[in-house]
Amino acid sequence: FRVAGFDVLPYPTDYQTPSGTSLYRPSATTVRNL
């Protein structure tokens, strides 16, 4: 968007990772880790 000349305010969503120490605990569903 910056290269296109469109100045935007990023509003992220759809987070797929936790925060804190939970980040170091992989899912028990191995496909999700892959």
Full PDB file with SEQRES, HELIX, SHEET, SSBOND, CRYST1, ORIGX, SCALE, CONECT and MASTER records, all heavy atoms in Angstrom:
SEQRES   1 A   34  PHE ARG VAL ALA GLY PHE ASP VAL LEU PRO TYR PRO THR          
SEQRES   2 A   34  ASP TYR GLN THR PRO SER GLY THR SER LEU TYR ARG PRO          
SEQRES   3 A   34  SER ALA THR THR VAL ARG ASN LEU                              
HELIX    1 AA1 GLY A   20  TYR A   24  5                                   5    
HELIX    2 AA2 THR A   30  ASN A   33  1                                   4    
CRYST1    1.000    1.000    1.000  90.00  90.00  90.00 P 1           1          
ORIGX1      1.000000  0.000000  0.000000        0.00000                         
ORIGX2      0.000000  1.000000  0.000000        0.00000                         
ORIGX3      0.000000  0.000000  1.000000        0.00000                         
SCALE1      1.000000  0.000000  0.000000        0.00000                         
SCALE2      0.000000  1.000000  0.000000        0.00000                         
SCALE3      0.000000  0.000000  1.000000        0.00000                         
ATOM      1  N   PHE A   1       0.830  -1.201   0.000  1.00  0.00           N  
ATOM      2  CA  PHE A   1       0.000   0.000   0.000  1.00  0.00           C  
ATOM      3  C   PHE A   1       0.866   1.253   0.000  1.00  0.00           C  
ATOM      4  O   PHE A   1       0.510   2.262  -0.626  1.00  0.00           O  
ATOM      5  CB  PHE A   1      -0.963  -0.015   1.187  1.00  0.00           C  
ATOM      6  CG  PHE A   1      -2.261  -0.719   0.900  1.00  0.00           C  
ATOM      7  CD1 PHE A   1      -2.325  -2.106   0.849  1.00  0.00           C  
ATOM      8  CD2 PHE A   1      -3.419   0.007   0.654  1.00  0.00           C  
ATOM      9  CE1 PHE A   1      -3.510  -2.760   0.561  1.00  0.00           C  
ATOM     10  CE2 PHE A   1      -4.620  -0.639   0.370  1.00  0.00           C  
ATOM     11  CZ  PHE A   1      -4.662  -2.026   0.315  1.00  0.00           C  
ATOM     12  N   ARG A   2       2.013   1.220   0.677  1.00  0.00           N  
ATOM     13  CA  ARG A   2       2.898   2.387   0.674  1.00  0.00           C  
ATOM     14  C   ARG A   2       3.460   2.636  -0.718  1.00  0.00           C  
ATOM     15  O   ARG A   2       3.521   3.779  -1.171  1.00  0.00           O  
ATOM     16  CB  ARG A   2       4.021   2.176   1.688  1.00  0.00           C  
ATOM     17  CG  ARG A   2       3.563   2.325   3.137  1.00  0.00           C  
ATOM     18  CD  ARG A   2       4.677   1.963   4.119  1.00  0.00           C  
ATOM     19  NE  ARG A   2       4.234   2.122   5.502  1.00  0.00           N  
ATOM     20  CZ  ARG A   2       4.929   1.718   6.564  1.00  0.00           C  
ATOM     21  NH1 ARG A   2       6.105   1.101   6.397  1.00  0.00           N  
ATOM     22  NH2 ARG A   2       4.464   1.891   7.785  1.00  0.00           N  
ATOM     23  N   VAL A   3       3.863   1.575  -1.406  1.00  0.00           N  
ATOM     24  CA  VAL A   3       4.371   1.738  -2.767  1.00  0.00           C  
ATOM     25  C   VAL A   3       3.271   2.235  -3.700  1.00  0.00           C  
ATOM     26  O   VAL A   3       3.532   3.032  -4.616  1.00  0.00           O  
ATOM     27  CB  VAL A   3       4.965   0.401  -3.277  1.00  0.00           C  
ATOM     28  CG1 VAL A   3       5.261   0.468  -4.773  1.00  0.00           C  
ATOM     29  CG2 VAL A   3       6.240   0.065  -2.517  1.00  0.00           C  
ATOM     30  N   ALA A   4       2.041   1.803  -3.456  1.00  0.00           N  
ATOM     31  CA  ALA A   4       0.910   2.249  -4.280  1.00  0.00           C  
ATOM     32  C   ALA A   4       0.499   3.680  -3.970  1.00  0.00           C  
ATOM     33  O   ALA A   4      -0.360   4.242  -4.654  1.00  0.00           O  
ATOM     34  CB  ALA A   4      -0.276   1.303  -4.080  1.00  0.00           C  
ATOM     35  N   GLY A   5       1.080   4.284  -2.932  1.00  0.00           N  
ATOM     36  CA  GLY A   5       0.736   5.653  -2.578  1.00  0.00           C  
ATOM     37  C   GLY A   5      -0.544   5.783  -1.780  1.00  0.00           C  
ATOM     38  O   GLY A   5      -1.192   6.830  -1.800  1.00  0.00           O  
ATOM     39  N   PHE A   6      -0.894   4.736  -1.081  1.00  0.00           N  
ATOM     40  CA  PHE A   6      -2.125   4.730  -0.285  1.00  0.00           C  
ATOM     41  C   PHE A   6      -1.714   4.596   1.182  1.00  0.00           C  
ATOM     42  O   PHE A   6      -1.356   3.524   1.652  1.00  0.00           O  
ATOM     43  CB  PHE A   6      -3.002   3.561  -0.709  1.00  0.00           C  
ATOM     44  CG  PHE A   6      -4.430   3.622  -0.196  1.00  0.00           C  
ATOM     45  CD1 PHE A   6      -5.392   2.781  -0.730  1.00  0.00           C  
ATOM     46  CD2 PHE A   6      -4.826   4.511   0.801  1.00  0.00           C  
ATOM     47  CE1 PHE A   6      -6.707   2.812  -0.283  1.00  0.00           C  
ATOM     48  CE2 PHE A   6      -6.125   4.557   1.257  1.00  0.00           C  
ATOM     49  CZ  PHE A   6      -7.070   3.690   0.705  1.00  0.00           C  
ATOM     50  N   ASP A   7      -1.769   5.701   1.921  1.00  0.00           N  
ATOM     51  CA  ASP A   7      -1.370   5.707   3.331  1.00  0.00           C  
ATOM     52  C   ASP A   7      -2.519   5.164   4.176  1.00  0.00           C  
ATOM     53  O   ASP A   7      -3.606   5.737   4.210  1.00  0.00           O  
ATOM     54  CB  ASP A   7      -1.011   7.131   3.764  1.00  0.00           C  
ATOM     55  CG  ASP A   7      -0.377   7.163   5.149  1.00  0.00           C  
ATOM     56  OD1 ASP A   7       0.186   6.132   5.558  1.00  0.00           O  
ATOM     57  OD2 ASP A   7      -0.444   8.209   5.811  1.00  0.00           O  
ATOM     58  N   VAL A   8      -2.277   4.032   4.840  1.00  0.00           N  
ATOM     59  CA  VAL A   8      -3.328   3.377   5.624  1.00  0.00           C  
ATOM     60  C   VAL A   8      -2.889   3.216   7.071  1.00  0.00           C  
ATOM     61  O   VAL A   8      -1.693   3.207   7.383  1.00  0.00           O  
ATOM     62  CB  VAL A   8      -3.673   1.988   5.033  1.00  0.00           C  
ATOM     63  CG1 VAL A   8      -4.377   2.124   3.699  1.00  0.00           C  
ATOM     64  CG2 VAL A   8      -2.419   1.121   4.906  1.00  0.00           C  
ATOM     65  N   LEU A   9      -3.874   3.088   7.957  1.00  0.00           N  
ATOM     66  CA  LEU A   9      -3.620   2.787   9.364  1.00  0.00           C  
ATOM     67  C   LEU A   9      -3.857   1.290   9.553  1.00  0.00           C  
ATOM     68  O   LEU A   9      -4.998   0.817   9.460  1.00  0.00           O  
ATOM     69  CB  LEU A   9      -4.557   3.594  10.259  1.00  0.00           C  
ATOM     70  CG  LEU A   9      -4.439   3.353  11.769  1.00  0.00           C  
ATOM     71  CD1 LEU A   9      -3.053   3.739  12.277  1.00  0.00           C  
ATOM     72  CD2 LEU A   9      -5.517   4.148  12.531  1.00  0.00           C  
ATOM     73  N   PRO A  10      -2.803   0.503   9.787  1.00  0.00           N  
ATOM     74  CA  PRO A  10      -2.965  -0.949   9.893  1.00  0.00           C  
ATOM     75  C   PRO A  10      -3.811  -1.345  11.102  1.00  0.00           C  
ATOM     76  O   PRO A  10      -3.563  -0.900  12.218  1.00  0.00           O  
ATOM     77  CB  PRO A  10      -1.528  -1.456  10.039  1.00  0.00           C  
ATOM     78  CG  PRO A  10      -0.662  -0.334   9.558  1.00  0.00           C  
ATOM     79  CD  PRO A  10      -1.395   0.922   9.897  1.00  0.00           C  
ATOM     80  N   TYR A  11      -4.788  -2.190  10.852  1.00  0.00           N  
ATOM     81  CA  TYR A  11      -5.632  -2.712  11.929  1.00  0.00           C  
ATOM     82  C   TYR A  11      -5.649  -4.238  11.813  1.00  0.00           C  
ATOM     83  O   TYR A  11      -6.537  -4.827  11.194  1.00  0.00           O  
ATOM     84  CB  TYR A  11      -7.048  -2.147  11.835  1.00  0.00           C  
ATOM     85  CG  TYR A  11      -7.842  -2.334  13.115  1.00  0.00           C  
ATOM     86  CD1 TYR A  11      -7.716  -1.432  14.166  1.00  0.00           C  
ATOM     87  CD2 TYR A  11      -8.701  -3.422  13.272  1.00  0.00           C  
ATOM     88  CE1 TYR A  11      -8.429  -1.611  15.345  1.00  0.00           C  
ATOM     89  CE2 TYR A  11      -9.412  -3.609  14.451  1.00  0.00           C  
ATOM     90  CZ  TYR A  11      -9.270  -2.689  15.481  1.00  0.00           C  
ATOM     91  OH  TYR A  11      -9.968  -2.868  16.656  1.00  0.00           O  
ATOM     92  N   PRO A  12      -4.629  -4.905  12.395  1.00  0.00           N  
ATOM     93  CA  PRO A  12      -4.493  -6.354  12.226  1.00  0.00           C  
ATOM     94  C   PRO A  12      -5.575  -7.140  12.963  1.00  0.00           C  
ATOM     95  O   PRO A  12      -6.103  -6.708  13.983  1.00  0.00           O  
ATOM     96  CB  PRO A  12      -3.109  -6.645  12.811  1.00  0.00           C  
ATOM     97  CG  PRO A  12      -2.868  -5.530  13.788  1.00  0.00           C  
ATOM     98  CD  PRO A  12      -3.544  -4.323  13.206  1.00  0.00           C  
ATOM     99  N   THR A  13      -5.860  -8.316  12.420  1.00  0.00           N  
ATOM    100  CA  THR A  13      -6.832  -9.217  13.031  1.00  0.00           C  
ATOM    101  C   THR A  13      -6.408 -10.649  12.694  1.00  0.00           C  
ATOM    102  O   THR A  13      -5.327 -10.863  12.148  1.00  0.00           O  
ATOM    103  CB  THR A  13      -8.255  -8.922  12.530  1.00  0.00           C  
ATOM    104  OG1 THR A  13      -9.198  -9.691  13.271  1.00  0.00           O  
ATOM    105  CG2 THR A  13      -8.396  -9.221  11.054  1.00  0.00           C  
ATOM    106  N   ASP A  14      -7.215 -11.624  13.033  1.00  0.00           N  
ATOM    107  CA  ASP A  14      -6.954 -13.017  12.665  1.00  0.00           C  
ATOM    108  C   ASP A  14      -5.600 -13.489  13.200  1.00  0.00           C  
ATOM    109  O   ASP A  14      -4.772 -14.018  12.460  1.00  0.00           O  
ATOM    110  CB  ASP A  14      -7.028 -13.173  11.132  1.00  0.00           C  
ATOM    111  CG  ASP A  14      -6.763 -14.602  10.674  1.00  0.00           C  
ATOM    112  OD1 ASP A  14      -7.161 -15.529  11.390  1.00  0.00           O  
ATOM    113  OD2 ASP A  14      -6.144 -14.768   9.603  1.00  0.00           O  
ATOM    114  N   TYR A  15      -5.363 -13.300  14.493  1.00  0.00           N  
ATOM    115  CA  TYR A  15      -4.123 -13.766  15.113  1.00  0.00           C  
ATOM    116  C   TYR A  15      -4.119 -15.293  15.211  1.00  0.00           C  
ATOM    117  O   TYR A  15      -5.117 -15.897  15.581  1.00  0.00           O  
ATOM    118  CB  TYR A  15      -3.956 -13.159  16.497  1.00  0.00           C  
ATOM    119  CG  TYR A  15      -3.648 -11.687  16.466  1.00  0.00           C  
ATOM    120  CD1 TYR A  15      -4.668 -10.733  16.500  1.00  0.00           C  
ATOM    121  CD2 TYR A  15      -2.339 -11.233  16.384  1.00  0.00           C  
ATOM    122  CE1 TYR A  15      -4.388  -9.373  16.459  1.00  0.00           C  
ATOM    123  CE2 TYR A  15      -2.040  -9.878  16.349  1.00  0.00           C  
ATOM    124  CZ  TYR A  15      -3.072  -8.956  16.381  1.00  0.00           C  
ATOM    125  OH  TYR A  15      -2.791  -7.615  16.333  1.00  0.00           O  
ATOM    126  N   GLN A  16      -2.969 -15.895  14.906  1.00  0.00           N  
ATOM    127  CA  GLN A  16      -2.829 -17.347  14.927  1.00  0.00           C  
ATOM    128  C   GLN A  16      -1.863 -17.836  16.010  1.00  0.00           C  
ATOM    129  O   GLN A  16      -1.658 -19.033  16.148  1.00  0.00           O  
ATOM    130  CB  GLN A  16      -2.321 -17.830  13.561  1.00  0.00           C  
ATOM    131  CG  GLN A  16      -3.217 -17.481  12.395  1.00  0.00           C  
ATOM    132  CD  GLN A  16      -4.568 -18.161  12.452  1.00  0.00           C  
ATOM    133  OE1 GLN A  16      -4.652 -19.350  12.761  1.00  0.00           O  
ATOM    134  NE2 GLN A  16      -5.639 -17.424  12.195  1.00  0.00           N  
ATOM    135  N   THR A  17      -1.273 -16.891  16.745  1.00  0.00           N  
ATOM    136  CA  THR A  17      -0.315 -17.288  17.782  1.00  0.00           C  
ATOM    137  C   THR A  17      -0.694 -16.661  19.116  1.00  0.00           C  
ATOM    138  O   THR A  17      -1.215 -15.542  19.158  1.00  0.00           O  
ATOM    139  CB  THR A  17       1.115 -16.837  17.417  1.00  0.00           C  
ATOM    140  OG1 THR A  17       1.174 -15.402  17.376  1.00  0.00           O  
ATOM    141  CG2 THR A  17       1.528 -17.400  16.071  1.00  0.00           C  
ATOM    142  N   PRO A  18      -0.414 -17.367  20.228  1.00  0.00           N  
ATOM    143  CA  PRO A  18      -0.670 -16.791  21.556  1.00  0.00           C  
ATOM    144  C   PRO A  18       0.492 -15.883  21.954  1.00  0.00           C  
ATOM    145  O   PRO A  18       1.475 -15.733  21.224  1.00  0.00           O  
ATOM    146  CB  PRO A  18      -0.728 -18.029  22.453  1.00  0.00           C  
ATOM    147  CG  PRO A  18       0.215 -18.983  21.792  1.00  0.00           C  
ATOM    148  CD  PRO A  18       0.085 -18.733  20.305  1.00  0.00           C  
ATOM    149  N   SER A  19       0.388 -15.289  23.115  1.00  0.00           N  
ATOM    150  CA  SER A  19       1.479 -14.465  23.642  1.00  0.00           C  
ATOM    151  C   SER A  19       2.013 -15.107  24.918  1.00  0.00           C  
ATOM    152  O   SER A  19       1.443 -16.061  25.449  1.00  0.00           O  
ATOM    153  CB  SER A  19       1.000 -13.042  23.928  1.00  0.00           C  
ATOM    154  OG  SER A  19      -0.019 -13.058  24.919  1.00  0.00           O  
ATOM    155  N   GLY A  20       3.124 -14.560  25.399  1.00  0.00           N  
ATOM    156  CA  GLY A  20       3.700 -15.062  26.638  1.00  0.00           C  
ATOM    157  C   GLY A  20       4.306 -16.449  26.489  1.00  0.00           C  
ATOM    158  O   GLY A  20       4.708 -16.875  25.403  1.00  0.00           O  
ATOM    159  N   THR A  21       4.339 -17.188  27.573  1.00  0.00           N  
ATOM    160  CA  THR A  21       4.968 -18.506  27.558  1.00  0.00           C  
ATOM    161  C   THR A  21       4.200 -19.522  26.724  1.00  0.00           C  
ATOM    162  O   THR A  21       4.762 -20.542  26.314  1.00  0.00           O  
ATOM    163  CB  THR A  21       5.107 -19.036  28.993  1.00  0.00           C  
ATOM    164  OG1 THR A  21       3.806 -19.085  29.616  1.00  0.00           O  
ATOM    165  CG2 THR A  21       6.022 -18.135  29.819  1.00  0.00           C  
ATOM    166  N   SER A  22       2.935 -19.248  26.452  1.00  0.00           N  
ATOM    167  CA  SER A  22       2.140 -20.164  25.624  1.00  0.00           C  
ATOM    168  C   SER A  22       2.709 -20.293  24.221  1.00  0.00           C  
ATOM    169  O   SER A  22       2.442 -21.267  23.515  1.00  0.00           O  
ATOM    170  CB  SER A  22       0.690 -19.683  25.540  1.00  0.00           C  
ATOM    171  OG  SER A  22       0.065 -19.735  26.798  1.00  0.00           O  
ATOM    172  N   LEU A  23       3.511 -19.300  23.829  1.00  0.00           N  
ATOM    173  CA  LEU A  23       4.109 -19.320  22.498  1.00  0.00           C  
ATOM    174  C   LEU A  23       5.036 -20.521  22.323  1.00  0.00           C  
ATOM    175  O   LEU A  23       5.265 -20.974  21.193  1.00  0.00           O  
ATOM    176  CB  LEU A  23       4.879 -18.014  22.276  1.00  0.00           C  
ATOM    177  CG  LEU A  23       5.470 -17.767  20.892  1.00  0.00           C  
ATOM    178  CD1 LEU A  23       4.368 -17.671  19.850  1.00  0.00           C  
ATOM    179  CD2 LEU A  23       6.306 -16.497  20.891  1.00  0.00           C  
ATOM    180  N   TYR A  24       5.558 -21.044  23.418  1.00  0.00           N  
ATOM    181  CA  TYR A  24       6.528 -22.130  23.344  1.00  0.00           C  
ATOM    182  C   TYR A  24       5.886 -23.504  23.520  1.00  0.00           C  
ATOM    183  O   TYR A  24       6.591 -24.509  23.627  1.00  0.00           O  
ATOM    184  CB  TYR A  24       7.621 -21.923  24.393  1.00  0.00           C  
ATOM    185  CG  TYR A  24       8.350 -20.611  24.203  1.00  0.00           C  
ATOM    186  CD1 TYR A  24       7.953 -19.466  24.909  1.00  0.00           C  
ATOM    187  CD2 TYR A  24       9.388 -20.506  23.293  1.00  0.00           C  
ATOM    188  CE1 TYR A  24       8.604 -18.253  24.715  1.00  0.00           C  
ATOM    189  CE2 TYR A  24      10.047 -19.294  23.092  1.00  0.00           C  
ATOM    190  CZ  TYR A  24       9.644 -18.176  23.803  1.00  0.00           C  
ATOM    191  OH  TYR A  24      10.281 -16.981  23.602  1.00  0.00           O  
ATOM    192  N   ARG A  25       4.561 -23.538  23.541  1.00  0.00           N  
ATOM    193  CA  ARG A  25       3.863 -24.811  23.674  1.00  0.00           C  
ATOM    194  C   ARG A  25       3.142 -25.115  22.365  1.00  0.00           C  
ATOM    195  O   ARG A  25       2.104 -24.507  22.071  1.00  0.00           O  
ATOM    196  CB  ARG A  25       2.871 -24.771  24.835  1.00  0.00           C  
ATOM    197  CG  ARG A  25       3.541 -24.639  26.195  1.00  0.00           C  
ATOM    198  CD  ARG A  25       2.612 -25.039  27.315  1.00  0.00           C  
ATOM    199  NE  ARG A  25       1.444 -24.172  27.411  1.00  0.00           N  
ATOM    200  CZ  ARG A  25       1.394 -23.063  28.145  1.00  0.00           C  
ATOM    201  NH1 ARG A  25       2.453 -22.677  28.846  1.00  0.00           N  
ATOM    202  NH2 ARG A  25       0.302 -22.329  28.193  1.00  0.00           N  
ATOM    203  N   PRO A  26       3.670 -26.035  21.577  1.00  0.00           N  
ATOM    204  CA  PRO A  26       3.025 -26.352  20.291  1.00  0.00           C  
ATOM    205  C   PRO A  26       1.678 -27.022  20.499  1.00  0.00           C  
ATOM    206  O   PRO A  26       1.389 -27.573  21.561  1.00  0.00           O  
ATOM    207  CB  PRO A  26       4.021 -27.294  19.620  1.00  0.00           C  
ATOM    208  CG  PRO A  26       4.774 -27.917  20.751  1.00  0.00           C  
ATOM    209  CD  PRO A  26       4.866 -26.854  21.810  1.00  0.00           C  
ATOM    210  N   SER A  27       0.873 -26.987  19.470  1.00  0.00           N  
ATOM    211  CA  SER A  27      -0.446 -27.612  19.517  1.00  0.00           C  
ATOM    212  C   SER A  27      -0.313 -29.126  19.587  1.00  0.00           C  
ATOM    213  O   SER A  27       0.627 -29.715  19.057  1.00  0.00           O  
ATOM    214  CB  SER A  27      -1.254 -27.220  18.284  1.00  0.00           C  
ATOM    215  OG  SER A  27      -2.456 -27.959  18.206  1.00  0.00           O  
ATOM    216  N   ALA A  28      -1.267 -29.762  20.253  1.00  0.00           N  
ATOM    217  CA  ALA A  28      -1.295 -31.221  20.278  1.00  0.00           C  
ATOM    218  C   ALA A  28      -1.722 -31.777  18.925  1.00  0.00           C  
ATOM    219  O   ALA A  28      -1.529 -32.956  18.628  1.00  0.00           O  
ATOM    220  CB  ALA A  28      -2.245 -31.710  21.371  1.00  0.00           C  
ATOM    221  N   THR A  29      -2.324 -30.933  18.107  1.00  0.00           N  
ATOM    222  CA  THR A  29      -2.689 -31.312  16.742  1.00  0.00           C  
ATOM    223  C   THR A  29      -1.516 -30.972  15.829  1.00  0.00           C  
ATOM    224  O   THR A  29      -1.298 -29.804  15.482  1.00  0.00           O  
ATOM    225  CB  THR A  29      -3.957 -30.563  16.288  1.00  0.00           C  
ATOM    226  OG1 THR A  29      -4.996 -30.772  17.237  1.00  0.00           O  
ATOM    227  CG2 THR A  29      -4.405 -31.041  14.919  1.00  0.00           C  
ATOM    228  N   THR A  30      -0.745 -31.970  15.460  1.00  0.00           N  
ATOM    229  CA  THR A  30       0.512 -31.730  14.752  1.00  0.00           C  
ATOM    230  C   THR A  30       0.319 -31.032  13.418  1.00  0.00           C  
ATOM    231  O   THR A  30       1.198 -30.298  12.970  1.00  0.00           O  
ATOM    232  CB  THR A  30       1.258 -33.057  14.537  1.00  0.00           C  
ATOM    233  OG1 THR A  30       0.404 -33.961  13.824  1.00  0.00           O  
ATOM    234  CG2 THR A  30       1.641 -33.675  15.869  1.00  0.00           C  
ATOM    235  N   VAL A  31      -0.819 -31.257  12.769  1.00  0.00           N  
ATOM    236  CA  VAL A  31      -1.065 -30.611  11.476  1.00  0.00           C  
ATOM    237  C   VAL A  31      -1.095 -29.094  11.629  1.00  0.00           C  
ATOM    238  O   VAL A  31      -0.647 -28.359  10.744  1.00  0.00           O  
ATOM    239  CB  VAL A  31      -2.382 -31.129  10.858  1.00  0.00           C  
ATOM    240  CG1 VAL A  31      -2.729 -30.351   9.596  1.00  0.00           C  
ATOM    241  CG2 VAL A  31      -2.275 -32.613  10.540  1.00  0.00           C  
ATOM    242  N   ARG A  32      -1.609 -28.607  12.737  1.00  0.00           N  
ATOM    243  CA  ARG A  32      -1.673 -27.161  12.956  1.00  0.00           C  
ATOM    244  C   ARG A  32      -0.265 -26.577  13.121  1.00  0.00           C  
ATOM    245  O   ARG A  32      -0.012 -25.444  12.699  1.00  0.00           O  
ATOM    246  CB  ARG A  32      -2.537 -26.840  14.176  1.00  0.00           C  
ATOM    247  CG  ARG A  32      -3.996 -27.211  13.988  1.00  0.00           C  
ATOM    248  CD  ARG A  32      -4.863 -26.663  15.101  1.00  0.00           C  
ATOM    249  NE  ARG A  32      -4.925 -25.220  15.076  1.00  0.00           N  
ATOM    250  CZ  ARG A  32      -5.747 -24.518  14.304  1.00  0.00           C  
ATOM    251  NH1 ARG A  32      -6.572 -25.135  13.472  1.00  0.00           N  
ATOM    252  NH2 ARG A  32      -5.759 -23.202  14.359  1.00  0.00           N  
ATOM    253  N   ASN A  33       0.640 -27.324  13.732  1.00  0.00           N  
ATOM    254  CA  ASN A  33       2.026 -26.852  13.841  1.00  0.00           C  
ATOM    255  C   ASN A  33       2.668 -26.753  12.460  1.00  0.00           C  
ATOM    256  O   ASN A  33       3.355 -25.769  12.149  1.00  0.00           O  
ATOM    257  CB  ASN A  33       2.828 -27.806  14.723  1.00  0.00           C  
ATOM    258  CG  ASN A  33       2.286 -27.896  16.137  1.00  0.00           C  
ATOM    259  OD1 ASN A  33       1.833 -26.900  16.694  1.00  0.00           O  
ATOM    260  ND2 ASN A  33       2.329 -29.080  16.716  1.00  0.00           N  
ATOM    261  N   LEU A  34       2.448 -27.760  11.637  1.00  0.00           N  
ATOM    262  CA  LEU A  34       2.969 -27.745  10.272  1.00  0.00           C  
ATOM    263  C   LEU A  34       2.346 -26.605   9.473  1.00  0.00           C  
ATOM    264  O   LEU A  34       3.030 -25.914   8.705  1.00  0.00           O  
ATOM    265  CB  LEU A  34       2.676 -29.088   9.600  1.00  0.00           C  
ATOM    266  CG  LEU A  34       2.983 -29.205   8.106  1.00  0.00           C  
ATOM    267  CD1 LEU A  34       4.463 -28.987   7.840  1.00  0.00           C  
ATOM    268  CD2 LEU A  34       2.540 -30.577   7.578  1.00  0.00           C  
TER     269      LEU A  34                                                      
MASTER        0    0    0    2    0    0    0    6  268    1    0    3          
END                                                                             
